[in-house]
Amino acid sequence: MGYQFSPRISDIGGARFWRIDRTADYGALNGLAAHTLNTRLIATHWDELLRLAGSLTLGVFQVESLMRTLQQGQRPTKVAQALQELGRGIKTLFLLHYISDPAYRRRSLTPLNRGEGRHRRARVVFHGQRGELRQRYRQGQEDQLGALGLVVNRSVLWNTIYRDRPRTHLRADGYALQDADIARLSPLGNAHLNVLGRYSFTLAEPVLRGEWRPFRQPDQDD
């Protein structure tokens, strides 16, 4: 289907590694890859797996038909078992790549950390209900989530704009800023957000005129 999942596996030390050839010599990995894939099962149901992937890609399947394809009563079908065998091989390749390539691990962790940062920001904004949906009807829950997304996105936009202004100002004054350092900055910081107490929506006169908030000076109190 063209997707490459790069999960962060917490129990990677206890993960199973699978091999295709039981008699192959993998050197130091022989003891690690003790389980053998059922490649005959995968080959037998390969066409059905391709049709399943095509249906998912095109979005032309129904949930009921998908469940019938993968489960019969309380037991998985042969197609589901073949899909499981194929997944074991894909997971083994991913684990080997993940363990042996530090650069790949960093690339995998970067989007995950960004996602966690966004969730932390949402939990801070969602402080009143402690991250819980209290509305008993669907429309109310959707409104609540929509409002949360709007506030989180608005705060991220505010951080992005005001993070860029001092960078431009410092470079105009001749300060050497490294692009590698700038790339590590995140607009998801929330230490300056006040989600408690009173809210005031009265804007200062300069802001109403379209001006920016003034820079803070190092010698001034925060």
Protein backbone atom coordinates (compact mmCIF):
# COMPACT_ATOMS: atom_id res chain seq x y z
CA MET A 1 0.00 0.00 0.00
CA GLY A 2 3.05 2.27 0.07
CA TYR A 3 3.07 2.99 3.81
CA GLN A 4 6.11 2.60 6.04
CA PHE A 5 5.22 2.50 9.70
CA SER A 6 8.02 3.33 12.13
CA PRO A 7 6.58 2.70 15.59
CA ARG A 8 8.40 3.18 18.87
CA ILE A 9 8.19 -0.30 20.40
CA SER A 10 8.44 -0.27 24.19
CA ASP A 11 9.12 -4.00 24.61
CA ILE A 12 11.61 -4.30 21.76
CA GLY A 13 13.91 -6.39 23.96
CA GLY A 14 11.32 -9.15 24.11
CA ALA A 15 10.24 -8.97 20.45
CA ARG A 16 10.35 -12.09 18.31
CA PHE A 17 12.45 -12.20 15.15
CA TRP A 18 11.31 -14.40 12.29
CA ARG A 19 13.26 -16.10 9.50
CA ILE A 20 12.22 -17.47 6.13
CA ASP A 21 14.74 -20.31 5.76
CA ARG A 22 15.02 -22.58 8.79
CA THR A 23 18.43 -23.86 7.62
CA ALA A 24 19.99 -20.48 6.80
CA ASP A 25 23.03 -19.34 8.77
CA TYR A 26 22.52 -15.83 10.16
CA GLY A 27 25.65 -15.90 12.29
CA ALA A 28 25.16 -14.05 15.57
CA LEU A 29 21.44 -13.74 14.83
CA ASN A 30 20.81 -17.49 14.69
CA GLY A 31 19.72 -17.62 18.30
CA LEU A 32 17.63 -14.47 17.92
CA ALA A 33 15.64 -15.53 14.84
CA ALA A 34 14.35 -18.81 16.22
CA HIS A 35 10.90 -18.70 14.58
CA THR A 36 10.15 -19.53 10.95
CA LEU A 37 7.55 -17.83 8.77
CA ASN A 38 4.93 -19.89 6.97
CA THR A 39 5.74 -18.61 3.48
CA ARG A 40 3.50 -21.26 1.87
CA LEU A 41 0.47 -19.73 3.61
CA ILE A 42 1.43 -16.26 2.35
CA ALA A 43 1.91 -17.51 -1.23
CA THR A 44 -1.38 -19.41 -1.20
CA HIS A 45 -3.39 -16.33 -0.22
CA TRP A 46 -1.24 -13.69 -1.94
CA ASP A 47 -3.89 -12.71 -4.50
CA GLU A 48 -6.46 -12.25 -1.73
CA LEU A 49 -4.02 -10.07 0.21
CA LEU A 50 -3.50 -7.92 -2.89
CA ARG A 51 -7.27 -7.52 -3.35
CA LEU A 52 -7.58 -6.57 0.33
CA ALA A 53 -4.82 -3.96 -0.02
CA GLY A 54 -6.40 -2.59 -3.20
CA SER A 55 -9.80 -2.28 -1.54
CA LEU A 56 -8.29 -0.43 1.43
CA THR A 57 -6.31 1.90 -0.85
CA LEU A 58 -9.34 2.78 -2.99
CA GLY A 59 -11.72 2.92 -0.03
CA VAL A 60 -14.29 0.68 -1.70
CA PHE A 61 -14.69 -1.90 1.06
CA GLN A 62 -17.38 -2.23 3.70
CA VAL A 63 -16.54 -2.93 7.30
CA GLU A 64 -18.77 -5.99 7.41
CA SER A 65 -17.14 -7.58 4.37
CA LEU A 66 -13.68 -6.75 5.72
CA MET A 67 -14.46 -8.47 9.02
CA ARG A 68 -15.83 -11.52 7.19
CA THR A 69 -12.60 -11.67 5.22
CA LEU A 70 -10.43 -11.61 8.34
CA GLN A 71 -12.53 -13.39 10.96
CA GLN A 72 -14.95 -16.29 10.99
CA GLY A 73 -16.77 -16.57 14.28
CA GLN A 74 -14.15 -16.28 17.00
CA ARG A 75 -11.30 -17.52 14.83
CA PRO A 76 -9.16 -15.72 12.22
CA THR A 77 -9.54 -16.83 8.63
CA LYS A 78 -6.71 -18.21 6.53
CA VAL A 79 -6.35 -14.78 4.90
CA ALA A 80 -5.94 -13.18 8.31
CA GLN A 81 -3.34 -15.80 9.26
CA ALA A 82 -1.46 -15.12 6.01
CA LEU A 83 -1.59 -11.39 6.74
CA GLN A 84 -0.21 -12.07 10.21
CA GLU A 85 2.68 -14.10 8.77
CA LEU A 86 3.48 -11.32 6.30
CA GLY A 87 3.38 -8.77 9.12
CA ARG A 88 5.85 -10.80 11.15
CA GLY A 89 8.35 -10.61 8.30
CA ILE A 90 7.83 -6.88 7.85
CA LYS A 91 8.22 -6.30 11.59
CA THR A 92 11.44 -8.31 11.66
CA LEU A 93 12.94 -6.22 8.84
CA PHE A 94 11.89 -3.04 10.64
CA LEU A 95 13.42 -4.16 13.94
CA LEU A 96 16.73 -5.05 12.29
CA HIS A 97 16.81 -1.67 10.55
CA TYR A 98 15.79 0.17 13.71
CA ILE A 99 18.43 -1.49 15.88
CA SER A 100 21.32 -1.20 13.42
CA ASP A 101 20.81 2.38 12.16
CA PRO A 102 20.98 5.23 14.75
CA ALA A 103 20.09 7.82 12.09
CA TYR A 104 16.91 5.91 11.26
CA ARG A 105 15.99 5.81 14.94
CA ARG A 106 16.35 9.58 15.16
CA ARG A 107 14.22 10.09 12.05
CA SER A 108 11.56 7.80 13.49
CA LEU A 109 11.51 9.50 16.88
CA THR A 110 11.30 13.07 15.54
CA PRO A 111 7.66 12.91 14.27
CA LEU A 112 6.66 10.84 17.31
CA ASN A 113 8.07 13.49 19.66
CA ARG A 114 6.26 16.19 17.70
CA GLY A 115 3.02 14.29 18.07
CA GLU A 116 3.59 13.89 21.82
CA GLY A 117 4.31 17.61 22.08
CA ARG A 118 1.01 18.41 20.39
CA HIS A 119 -0.83 16.08 22.78
CA ARG A 120 0.84 17.75 25.79
CA ARG A 121 -0.27 21.15 24.51
CA ALA A 122 -3.84 19.87 24.10
CA ARG A 123 -3.85 18.49 27.65
CA VAL A 124 -2.70 21.85 29.00
CA VAL A 125 -5.44 23.70 27.11
CA PHE A 126 -7.99 21.03 28.08
CA HIS A 127 -7.21 21.48 31.79
CA GLY A 128 -10.78 22.16 32.97
CA GLN A 129 -12.12 18.69 32.15
CA ARG A 130 -8.75 16.94 32.59
CA GLY A 131 -8.74 15.77 29.00
CA GLU A 132 -12.14 14.11 29.28
CA LEU A 133 -15.16 14.54 27.02
CA ARG A 134 -18.16 15.22 29.24
CA GLN A 135 -20.82 15.89 26.61
CA ARG A 136 -23.28 13.00 26.33
CA TYR A 137 -24.21 13.53 22.71
CA ARG A 138 -22.14 13.30 19.55
CA GLN A 139 -22.63 16.88 18.37
CA GLY A 140 -21.47 18.23 21.72
CA GLN A 141 -18.37 16.05 21.68
CA GLU A 142 -17.52 17.16 18.15
CA ASP A 143 -17.98 20.80 19.17
CA GLN A 144 -15.75 20.28 22.18
CA LEU A 145 -13.00 18.64 20.12
CA GLY A 146 -13.33 21.25 17.39
CA ALA A 147 -12.93 24.08 19.89
CA LEU A 148 -9.90 22.34 21.41
CA GLY A 149 -8.27 21.96 18.00
CA LEU A 150 -8.95 25.62 17.19
CA VAL A 151 -7.37 26.87 20.42
CA VAL A 152 -4.34 24.56 20.10
CA ASN A 153 -3.75 25.54 16.47
CA ARG A 154 -4.16 29.21 17.30
CA SER A 155 -1.57 29.03 20.07
CA VAL A 156 0.84 27.17 17.77
CA LEU A 157 0.38 29.89 15.13
CA TRP A 158 1.04 32.60 17.75
CA ASN A 159 4.23 30.85 18.85
CA THR A 160 5.38 30.42 15.26
CA ILE A 161 4.91 34.09 14.40
CA TYR A 162 6.53 35.44 17.53
CA ARG A 163 9.36 32.94 17.39
CA ASP A 164 10.24 34.11 13.87
CA ARG A 165 10.34 37.83 14.77
CA PRO A 166 13.32 37.72 17.19
CA ARG A 167 15.18 35.42 14.81
CA THR A 168 14.79 37.97 12.01
CA HIS A 169 15.70 40.81 14.39
CA LEU A 170 18.84 39.12 15.69
CA ARG A 171 20.08 38.26 12.22
CA ALA A 172 19.49 41.85 11.11
CA ASP A 173 21.67 42.96 14.05
CA GLY A 174 24.47 40.66 12.93
CA TYR A 175 24.03 37.77 15.36
CA ALA A 176 25.14 34.42 13.92
CA LEU A 177 22.25 31.98 14.23
CA GLN A 178 22.78 28.41 13.10
CA ASP A 179 20.07 26.85 10.94
CA ALA A 180 20.61 23.54 12.74
CA ASP A 181 19.75 25.22 16.05
CA ILE A 182 16.70 26.96 14.58
CA ALA A 183 15.43 23.62 13.20
CA ARG A 184 15.33 22.20 16.74
CA LEU A 185 13.00 24.90 18.04
CA SER A 186 9.38 23.92 18.53
CA PRO A 187 6.20 26.05 18.45
CA LEU A 188 4.61 23.70 21.01
CA GLY A 189 6.02 25.30 24.16
CA ASN A 190 3.39 26.18 26.73
CA ALA A 191 5.24 27.60 29.76
CA HIS A 192 4.04 31.10 28.83
CA LEU A 193 0.38 30.08 28.45
CA ASN A 194 -2.01 31.04 31.23
CA VAL A 195 -4.96 28.67 31.28
CA LEU A 196 -6.05 29.59 34.81
CA GLY A 197 -7.69 32.64 36.35
CA ARG A 198 -9.35 35.45 34.44
CA TYR A 199 -9.36 35.86 30.69
CA SER A 200 -9.16 39.28 29.10
CA PHE A 201 -9.98 39.74 25.42
CA THR A 202 -9.23 43.46 25.41
CA LEU A 203 -6.29 44.06 23.09
CA ALA A 204 -3.69 46.71 23.68
CA GLU A 205 -3.88 49.77 21.43
CA PRO A 206 -0.68 48.95 19.48
CA VAL A 207 -2.00 45.45 18.73
CA LEU A 208 -5.33 46.88 17.58
CA ARG A 209 -3.41 49.09 15.15
CA GLY A 210 -1.79 45.99 13.68
CA GLU A 211 1.52 46.43 15.46
CA TRP A 212 3.50 43.66 17.16
CA ARG A 213 3.97 43.17 20.83
CA PRO A 214 7.32 44.65 21.95
CA PHE A 215 10.36 42.47 22.50
CA ARG A 216 11.32 41.60 26.02
CA GLN A 217 14.74 42.93 27.00
CA PRO A 218 17.25 40.76 28.88
CA ASP A 219 17.63 43.34 31.66
CA GLN A 220 13.89 43.58 32.28
CA ASP A 221 11.91 41.48 34.74
CA ASP A 222 9.86 38.69 33.22
